[in-house]
Amino acid sequence: MEAKVRRIKLGTQGLEASAEGLGCMSMSAFYGPPKPEPEMINLIHHAINSGVTFLDTSDVYGPHANEILLGKLATKFGACFVDGKMEIGGGPAYVRAACEASLKRLRLDCIDLYHQHRVDTKVPIEITITFTVYARIGKFF
């Protein structure tokens, strides 16, 4: 029998999540070459079967390969590569473009969990968060 991951309550609306998540960055990028997809799919299934409900990916991992691997679960924005150099973005145009690209790659109308990977200190957090909410539901000003 597999050990089950402990669950925790989120807020006051009755939502729960696993106390531990699975960080998936190294599956598709960084820390060496991408890992074999069948092995990573087996690992993801093992995590889910153990009770993990949070799988962490980003559009920058691969880039894009990890987000596509995990597809339709959750993703992040806020880091991108420009001319081989990582840049941080949090402005409305970047958030919209990043979300639209993720929605297209994942073939979705809405991302369940869309969160900020890195904070863009040049943009007030209230602006980034406002556009993140609208981006997540696929509606913009």
N, C-alpha and C. Protein backbone atom coordinates (compact mmCIF):
# COMPACT_ATOMS: atom_id res chain seq x y z
N MET A 1 0.85 -1.19 0.00
CA MET A 1 0.00 0.00 0.00
C MET A 1 0.89 1.24 0.00
N GLU A 2 0.58 2.19 -0.89
CA GLU A 2 1.37 3.42 -0.97
C GLU A 2 1.01 4.37 0.16
N ALA A 3 2.02 5.08 0.63
CA ALA A 3 1.78 6.11 1.63
C ALA A 3 1.04 7.26 0.96
N LYS A 4 0.08 7.83 1.64
CA LYS A 4 -0.67 8.95 1.09
C LYS A 4 -0.11 10.26 1.65
N VAL A 5 -0.01 11.25 0.79
CA VAL A 5 0.48 12.56 1.17
C VAL A 5 -0.60 13.26 1.99
N ARG A 6 -0.18 13.90 3.06
CA ARG A 6 -1.09 14.63 3.94
C ARG A 6 -1.75 15.77 3.17
N ARG A 7 -2.99 16.09 3.52
CA ARG A 7 -3.74 17.17 2.88
C ARG A 7 -3.87 18.34 3.84
N ILE A 8 -3.94 19.54 3.29
CA ILE A 8 -4.13 20.75 4.10
C ILE A 8 -5.28 21.56 3.51
N LYS A 9 -5.95 22.32 4.38
CA LYS A 9 -7.05 23.19 3.94
C LYS A 9 -6.47 24.47 3.37
N LEU A 10 -7.13 24.97 2.32
CA LEU A 10 -6.76 26.24 1.71
C LEU A 10 -7.90 27.22 1.96
N GLY A 11 -7.64 28.22 2.78
CA GLY A 11 -8.66 29.23 3.04
C GLY A 11 -9.87 28.68 3.76
N THR A 12 -11.02 29.31 3.52
CA THR A 12 -12.25 28.96 4.24
C THR A 12 -13.35 28.41 3.35
N GLN A 13 -13.03 28.12 2.09
CA GLN A 13 -14.05 27.67 1.14
C GLN A 13 -14.14 26.15 1.02
N GLY A 14 -13.38 25.42 1.84
CA GLY A 14 -13.44 23.97 1.80
C GLY A 14 -12.46 23.33 0.83
N LEU A 15 -11.62 24.13 0.19
CA LEU A 15 -10.64 23.56 -0.73
C LEU A 15 -9.49 22.92 0.02
N GLU A 16 -8.93 21.87 -0.54
CA GLU A 16 -7.79 21.18 0.04
C GLU A 16 -6.73 20.94 -1.03
N ALA A 17 -5.50 20.80 -0.57
CA ALA A 17 -4.40 20.46 -1.47
C ALA A 17 -3.45 19.55 -0.71
N SER A 18 -2.58 18.91 -1.45
CA SER A 18 -1.57 18.08 -0.79
C SER A 18 -0.56 18.99 -0.08
N ALA A 19 -0.06 18.53 1.05
CA ALA A 19 0.91 19.32 1.80
C ALA A 19 2.25 19.39 1.06
N GLU A 20 2.52 18.42 0.21
CA GLU A 20 3.72 18.42 -0.62
C GLU A 20 3.31 18.42 -2.08
N GLY A 21 4.18 19.02 -2.89
CA GLY A 21 3.94 19.03 -4.33
C GLY A 21 5.10 18.35 -5.04
N LEU A 22 5.00 18.29 -6.35
CA LEU A 22 6.07 17.72 -7.17
C LEU A 22 6.61 18.82 -8.07
N GLY A 23 7.85 19.24 -7.83
CA GLY A 23 8.51 20.20 -8.69
C GLY A 23 9.02 19.49 -9.93
N CYS A 24 8.62 19.96 -11.09
CA CYS A 24 8.88 19.22 -12.33
C CYS A 24 9.93 19.86 -13.23
N MET A 25 10.58 20.92 -12.78
CA MET A 25 11.54 21.64 -13.60
C MET A 25 12.60 20.73 -14.20
N SER A 26 13.18 19.88 -13.39
CA SER A 26 14.31 19.08 -13.87
C SER A 26 13.89 17.95 -14.83
N MET A 27 12.61 17.75 -14.99
CA MET A 27 12.15 16.71 -15.93
C MET A 27 12.47 17.10 -17.37
N SER A 28 12.40 18.39 -17.68
CA SER A 28 12.52 18.85 -19.06
C SER A 28 13.65 19.84 -19.30
N ALA A 29 14.27 20.33 -18.25
CA ALA A 29 15.30 21.36 -18.42
C ALA A 29 16.14 21.46 -17.16
N PHE A 30 17.25 22.16 -17.30
CA PHE A 30 18.13 22.43 -16.18
C PHE A 30 18.64 21.10 -15.58
N TYR A 31 19.56 21.14 -14.71
CA TYR A 31 20.08 19.95 -14.02
C TYR A 31 20.31 18.77 -14.94
N GLY A 32 20.88 19.01 -16.10
CA GLY A 32 21.17 17.93 -17.03
C GLY A 32 20.16 17.88 -18.17
N PRO A 33 20.31 16.89 -19.04
CA PRO A 33 19.43 16.78 -20.21
C PRO A 33 18.01 16.40 -19.79
N PRO A 34 17.03 16.66 -20.68
CA PRO A 34 15.65 16.23 -20.39
C PRO A 34 15.60 14.73 -20.10
N LYS A 35 14.74 14.35 -19.18
CA LYS A 35 14.59 12.95 -18.81
C LYS A 35 13.63 12.27 -19.79
N PRO A 36 13.70 10.96 -19.93
CA PRO A 36 12.79 10.25 -20.84
C PRO A 36 11.32 10.46 -20.45
N GLU A 37 10.53 10.89 -21.42
CA GLU A 37 9.14 11.21 -21.16
C GLU A 37 8.35 10.06 -20.51
N PRO A 38 8.48 8.82 -20.97
CA PRO A 38 7.73 7.73 -20.32
C PRO A 38 8.06 7.61 -18.82
N GLU A 39 9.31 7.79 -18.47
CA GLU A 39 9.70 7.72 -17.05
C GLU A 39 9.08 8.87 -16.26
N MET A 40 9.05 10.06 -16.85
CA MET A 40 8.50 11.21 -16.16
C MET A 40 6.98 11.08 -16.01
N ILE A 41 6.33 10.52 -17.00
CA ILE A 41 4.89 10.28 -16.90
C ILE A 41 4.61 9.27 -15.80
N ASN A 42 5.44 8.23 -15.69
CA ASN A 42 5.29 7.26 -14.59
C ASN A 42 5.49 7.94 -13.24
N LEU A 43 6.47 8.83 -13.15
CA LEU A 43 6.71 9.56 -11.90
C LEU A 43 5.51 10.44 -11.54
N ILE A 44 4.97 11.14 -12.53
CA ILE A 44 3.80 12.00 -12.29
C ILE A 44 2.62 11.15 -11.80
N HIS A 45 2.38 10.02 -12.44
CA HIS A 45 1.30 9.12 -12.01
C HIS A 45 1.53 8.61 -10.59
N HIS A 46 2.77 8.29 -10.27
CA HIS A 46 3.09 7.84 -8.91
C HIS A 46 2.77 8.93 -7.89
N ALA A 47 3.16 10.17 -8.22
CA ALA A 47 2.88 11.29 -7.31
C ALA A 47 1.37 11.46 -7.12
N ILE A 48 0.63 11.44 -8.21
CA ILE A 48 -0.83 11.60 -8.12
C ILE A 48 -1.45 10.45 -7.34
N ASN A 49 -1.02 9.23 -7.61
CA ASN A 49 -1.54 8.07 -6.87
C ASN A 49 -1.19 8.10 -5.40
N SER A 50 -0.14 8.85 -5.05
CA SER A 50 0.26 9.00 -3.65
C SER A 50 -0.48 10.15 -2.97
N GLY A 51 -1.27 10.89 -3.74
CA GLY A 51 -2.07 11.97 -3.17
C GLY A 51 -1.56 13.37 -3.46
N VAL A 52 -0.52 13.50 -4.26
CA VAL A 52 -0.01 14.83 -4.62
C VAL A 52 -1.01 15.49 -5.57
N THR A 53 -1.42 16.72 -5.22
CA THR A 53 -2.37 17.44 -6.05
C THR A 53 -1.76 18.71 -6.65
N PHE A 54 -0.51 19.00 -6.33
CA PHE A 54 0.14 20.19 -6.90
C PHE A 54 1.39 19.77 -7.66
N LEU A 55 1.37 19.95 -8.97
CA LEU A 55 2.50 19.67 -9.84
C LEU A 55 2.99 21.00 -10.37
N ASP A 56 4.24 21.34 -10.11
CA ASP A 56 4.76 22.66 -10.42
C ASP A 56 5.52 22.67 -11.74
N THR A 57 5.04 23.46 -12.70
CA THR A 57 5.69 23.62 -13.98
C THR A 57 5.73 25.10 -14.33
N SER A 58 6.33 25.42 -15.45
CA SER A 58 6.41 26.80 -15.93
C SER A 58 6.61 26.79 -17.43
N ASP A 59 6.23 27.91 -18.06
CA ASP A 59 6.44 28.03 -19.50
C ASP A 59 7.91 28.10 -19.85
N VAL A 60 8.76 28.44 -18.90
CA VAL A 60 10.20 28.59 -19.17
C VAL A 60 10.96 27.26 -19.08
N TYR A 61 10.36 26.24 -18.50
CA TYR A 61 11.05 24.95 -18.35
C TYR A 61 11.04 24.21 -19.68
N GLY A 62 12.14 24.17 -20.33
CA GLY A 62 12.27 23.44 -21.59
C GLY A 62 12.93 24.26 -22.70
N PRO A 63 12.50 25.46 -23.06
CA PRO A 63 11.22 26.06 -22.66
C PRO A 63 10.03 25.36 -23.32
N HIS A 64 8.93 25.42 -22.64
CA HIS A 64 7.62 24.91 -23.06
C HIS A 64 7.45 23.40 -22.92
N ALA A 65 8.51 22.63 -22.99
CA ALA A 65 8.39 21.17 -22.98
C ALA A 65 7.75 20.65 -21.70
N ASN A 66 8.10 21.21 -20.54
CA ASN A 66 7.57 20.72 -19.28
C ASN A 66 6.10 21.08 -19.13
N GLU A 67 5.75 22.27 -19.56
CA GLU A 67 4.36 22.70 -19.51
C GLU A 67 3.49 21.78 -20.37
N ILE A 68 3.98 21.43 -21.54
CA ILE A 68 3.23 20.54 -22.43
C ILE A 68 3.15 19.13 -21.81
N LEU A 69 4.25 18.67 -21.21
CA LEU A 69 4.25 17.36 -20.55
C LEU A 69 3.17 17.29 -19.48
N LEU A 70 3.09 18.31 -18.65
CA LEU A 70 2.11 18.30 -17.56
C LEU A 70 0.74 18.75 -18.00
N GLY A 71 0.66 19.39 -19.12
CA GLY A 71 -0.55 19.93 -19.72
C GLY A 71 -1.82 19.93 -18.89
N LYS A 72 -2.54 21.02 -18.98
CA LYS A 72 -3.89 21.17 -18.45
C LYS A 72 -3.97 21.11 -16.93
N LEU A 73 -2.88 21.33 -16.22
CA LEU A 73 -2.92 21.29 -14.76
C LEU A 73 -2.69 22.67 -14.15
N ALA A 74 -1.48 23.13 -14.26
CA ALA A 74 -1.13 24.43 -13.71
C ALA A 74 0.15 24.88 -14.40
N THR A 75 0.37 26.17 -14.43
CA THR A 75 1.62 26.68 -14.97
C THR A 75 1.91 28.05 -14.38
N LYS A 76 3.10 28.54 -14.66
CA LYS A 76 3.54 29.83 -14.14
C LYS A 76 3.98 30.72 -15.29
N PHE A 77 4.15 32.00 -14.97
CA PHE A 77 4.70 32.96 -15.91
C PHE A 77 5.66 33.84 -15.12
N GLY A 78 6.40 34.68 -15.81
CA GLY A 78 7.23 35.67 -15.13
C GLY A 78 8.70 35.55 -15.46
N ALA A 79 9.11 34.48 -16.07
CA ALA A 79 10.50 34.32 -16.49
C ALA A 79 10.50 33.89 -17.94
N CYS A 80 11.38 34.49 -18.72
CA CYS A 80 11.49 34.10 -20.12
C CYS A 80 12.93 34.30 -20.57
N PHE A 81 13.28 33.67 -21.67
CA PHE A 81 14.62 33.82 -22.23
C PHE A 81 14.55 34.73 -23.45
N VAL A 82 15.40 35.75 -23.46
CA VAL A 82 15.52 36.65 -24.59
C VAL A 82 16.99 36.64 -24.99
N ASP A 83 17.26 36.22 -26.22
CA ASP A 83 18.64 36.10 -26.71
C ASP A 83 19.50 35.27 -25.76
N GLY A 84 18.92 34.17 -25.24
CA GLY A 84 19.65 33.26 -24.38
C GLY A 84 19.84 33.74 -22.95
N LYS A 85 19.24 34.86 -22.60
CA LYS A 85 19.40 35.43 -21.26
C LYS A 85 18.02 35.49 -20.58
N MET A 86 17.97 35.07 -19.30
CA MET A 86 16.69 35.08 -18.59
C MET A 86 16.30 36.51 -18.22
N GLU A 87 15.04 36.81 -18.50
CA GLU A 87 14.46 38.10 -18.12
C GLU A 87 13.21 37.84 -17.30
N ILE A 88 12.87 38.81 -16.44
CA ILE A 88 11.69 38.72 -15.59
C ILE A 88 10.64 39.66 -16.14
N GLY A 89 9.40 39.19 -16.27
CA GLY A 89 8.32 40.01 -16.80
C GLY A 89 7.08 39.93 -15.94
N GLY A 90 6.43 41.08 -15.75
CA GLY A 90 5.20 41.11 -14.98
C GLY A 90 4.24 42.17 -15.46
N GLY A 91 4.60 42.83 -16.55
CA GLY A 91 3.73 43.86 -17.10
C GLY A 91 2.53 43.27 -17.80
N PRO A 92 1.46 44.07 -17.96
CA PRO A 92 0.23 43.56 -18.59
C PRO A 92 0.45 42.91 -19.95
N ALA A 93 1.24 43.50 -20.81
CA ALA A 93 1.45 42.92 -22.14
C ALA A 93 2.14 41.57 -22.05
N TYR A 94 3.14 41.45 -21.17
CA TYR A 94 3.84 40.18 -21.02
C TYR A 94 2.91 39.11 -20.43
N VAL A 95 2.16 39.46 -19.38
CA VAL A 95 1.26 38.49 -18.74
C VAL A 95 0.25 37.98 -19.75
N ARG A 96 -0.32 38.88 -20.53
CA ARG A 96 -1.31 38.49 -21.53
C ARG A 96 -0.68 37.57 -22.59
N ALA A 97 0.47 37.97 -23.12
CA ALA A 97 1.12 37.17 -24.16
C ALA A 97 1.53 35.80 -23.62
N ALA A 98 2.08 35.76 -22.40
CA ALA A 98 2.50 34.49 -21.81
C ALA A 98 1.30 33.57 -21.59
N CYS A 99 0.20 34.13 -21.09
CA CYS A 99 -0.98 33.32 -20.84
C CYS A 99 -1.59 32.82 -22.15
N GLU A 100 -1.70 33.70 -23.14
CA GLU A 100 -2.26 33.28 -24.43
C GLU A 100 -1.42 32.16 -25.05
N ALA A 101 -0.09 32.26 -24.92
CA ALA A 101 0.79 31.22 -25.46
C ALA A 101 0.60 29.90 -24.71
N SER A 102 0.48 29.98 -23.38
CA SER A 102 0.25 28.76 -22.60
C SER A 102 -1.09 28.13 -22.94
N LEU A 103 -2.13 28.94 -23.04
CA LEU A 103 -3.45 28.43 -23.40
C LEU A 103 -3.41 27.72 -24.75
N LYS A 104 -2.70 28.32 -25.70
CA LYS A 104 -2.59 27.72 -27.03
C LYS A 104 -1.82 26.40 -26.97
N ARG A 105 -0.67 26.39 -26.27
CA ARG A 105 0.12 25.16 -26.17
C ARG A 105 -0.67 24.05 -25.50
N LEU A 106 -1.43 24.42 -24.46
CA LEU A 106 -2.16 23.42 -23.69
C LEU A 106 -3.55 23.12 -24.26
N ARG A 107 -3.94 23.86 -25.30
CA ARG A 107 -5.24 23.69 -25.94
C ARG A 107 -6.37 23.81 -24.92
N LEU A 108 -6.32 24.91 -24.15
CA LEU A 108 -7.31 25.17 -23.11
C LEU A 108 -7.96 26.53 -23.30
N ASP A 109 -9.12 26.70 -22.65
CA ASP A 109 -9.76 28.01 -22.58
C ASP A 109 -9.44 28.70 -21.26
N CYS A 110 -9.03 27.91 -20.26
CA CYS A 110 -8.79 28.43 -18.92
C CYS A 110 -7.72 27.57 -18.25
N ILE A 111 -6.81 28.22 -17.51
CA ILE A 111 -5.79 27.51 -16.72
C ILE A 111 -6.27 27.48 -15.28
N ASP A 112 -6.31 26.30 -14.68
CA ASP A 112 -6.81 26.17 -13.31
C ASP A 112 -5.98 26.95 -12.30
N LEU A 113 -4.67 26.86 -12.40
CA LEU A 113 -3.78 27.58 -11.48
C LEU A 113 -2.69 28.25 -12.30
N TYR A 114 -2.70 29.57 -12.31
CA TYR A 114 -1.74 30.36 -13.08
C TYR A 114 -1.09 31.32 -12.12
N HIS A 115 0.18 31.11 -11.84
CA HIS A 115 0.81 31.94 -10.82
C HIS A 115 2.14 32.49 -11.29
N GLN A 116 2.63 33.46 -10.54
CA GLN A 116 3.83 34.19 -10.92
C GLN A 116 5.09 33.45 -10.49
N HIS A 117 5.98 33.25 -11.45
CA HIS A 117 7.24 32.53 -11.23
C HIS A 117 8.26 33.42 -10.51
N ARG A 118 8.46 34.62 -11.02
CA ARG A 118 9.38 35.60 -10.44
C ARG A 118 8.68 36.94 -10.44
N VAL A 119 8.94 37.77 -9.44
CA VAL A 119 8.32 39.09 -9.34
C VAL A 119 9.14 40.09 -10.16
N ASP A 120 8.43 40.81 -11.01
CA ASP A 120 9.03 41.89 -11.79
C ASP A 120 8.98 43.14 -10.93
N THR A 121 10.11 43.55 -10.38
CA THR A 121 10.15 44.68 -9.46
C THR A 121 9.92 46.02 -10.15
N LYS A 122 9.86 46.03 -11.47
CA LYS A 122 9.60 47.27 -12.21
C LYS A 122 8.09 47.53 -12.36
N VAL A 123 7.28 46.55 -12.01
CA VAL A 123 5.83 46.66 -12.18
C VAL A 123 5.17 46.50 -10.80
N PRO A 124 4.26 47.41 -10.43
CA PRO A 124 3.56 47.24 -9.15
C PRO A 124 2.85 45.88 -9.11
N ILE A 125 2.99 45.18 -8.01
CA ILE A 125 2.44 43.84 -7.88
C ILE A 125 0.93 43.82 -8.13
N GLU A 126 0.24 44.91 -7.76
CA GLU A 126 -1.21 44.97 -7.97
C GLU A 126 -1.56 44.90 -9.47
N ILE A 127 -0.72 45.49 -10.30
CA ILE A 127 -0.94 45.44 -11.75
C ILE A 127 -0.73 44.02 -12.26
N THR A 128 0.37 43.41 -11.84
CA THR A 128 0.65 42.04 -12.29
C THR A 128 -0.47 41.09 -11.86
N ILE A 129 -0.88 41.17 -10.61
CA ILE A 129 -1.91 40.26 -10.09
C ILE A 129 -3.24 40.48 -10.79
N THR A 130 -3.61 41.73 -11.03
CA THR A 130 -4.87 42.01 -11.74
C THR A 130 -4.87 41.34 -13.10
N PHE A 131 -3.79 41.50 -13.84
CA PHE A 131 -3.73 40.89 -15.16
C PHE A 131 -3.59 39.38 -15.08
N THR A 132 -3.00 38.86 -14.01
CA THR A 132 -2.90 37.42 -13.84
C THR A 132 -4.29 36.81 -13.68
N VAL A 133 -5.14 37.44 -12.89
CA VAL A 133 -6.50 36.94 -12.69
C VAL A 133 -7.24 36.93 -14.02
N TYR A 134 -7.17 38.00 -14.76
CA TYR A 134 -7.86 38.05 -16.04
C TYR A 134 -7.23 37.11 -17.06
N ALA A 135 -5.92 36.97 -17.02
CA ALA A 135 -5.26 36.05 -17.94
C ALA A 135 -5.69 34.61 -17.65
N ARG A 136 -5.75 34.25 -16.39
CA ARG A 136 -6.08 32.89 -15.99
C ARG A 136 -7.46 32.48 -16.50
N ILE A 137 -8.40 33.41 -16.51
CA ILE A 137 -9.74 33.06 -16.97
C ILE A 137 -9.91 33.35 -18.47
N GLY A 138 -8.83 33.85 -19.10
CA GLY A 138 -8.88 34.07 -20.53
C GLY A 138 -9.65 35.32 -20.92
N LYS A 139 -9.81 36.25 -19.97
CA LYS A 139 -10.51 37.50 -20.26
C LYS A 139 -9.61 38.66 -19.88
N PHE A 140 -9.53 39.64 -20.74
CA PHE A 140 -8.66 40.78 -20.51
C PHE A 140 -9.47 42.06 -20.62
N PHE A 141 -8.90 43.13 -20.12
CA PHE A 141 -9.54 44.44 -20.22
C PHE A 141 -9.64 44.87 -21.66
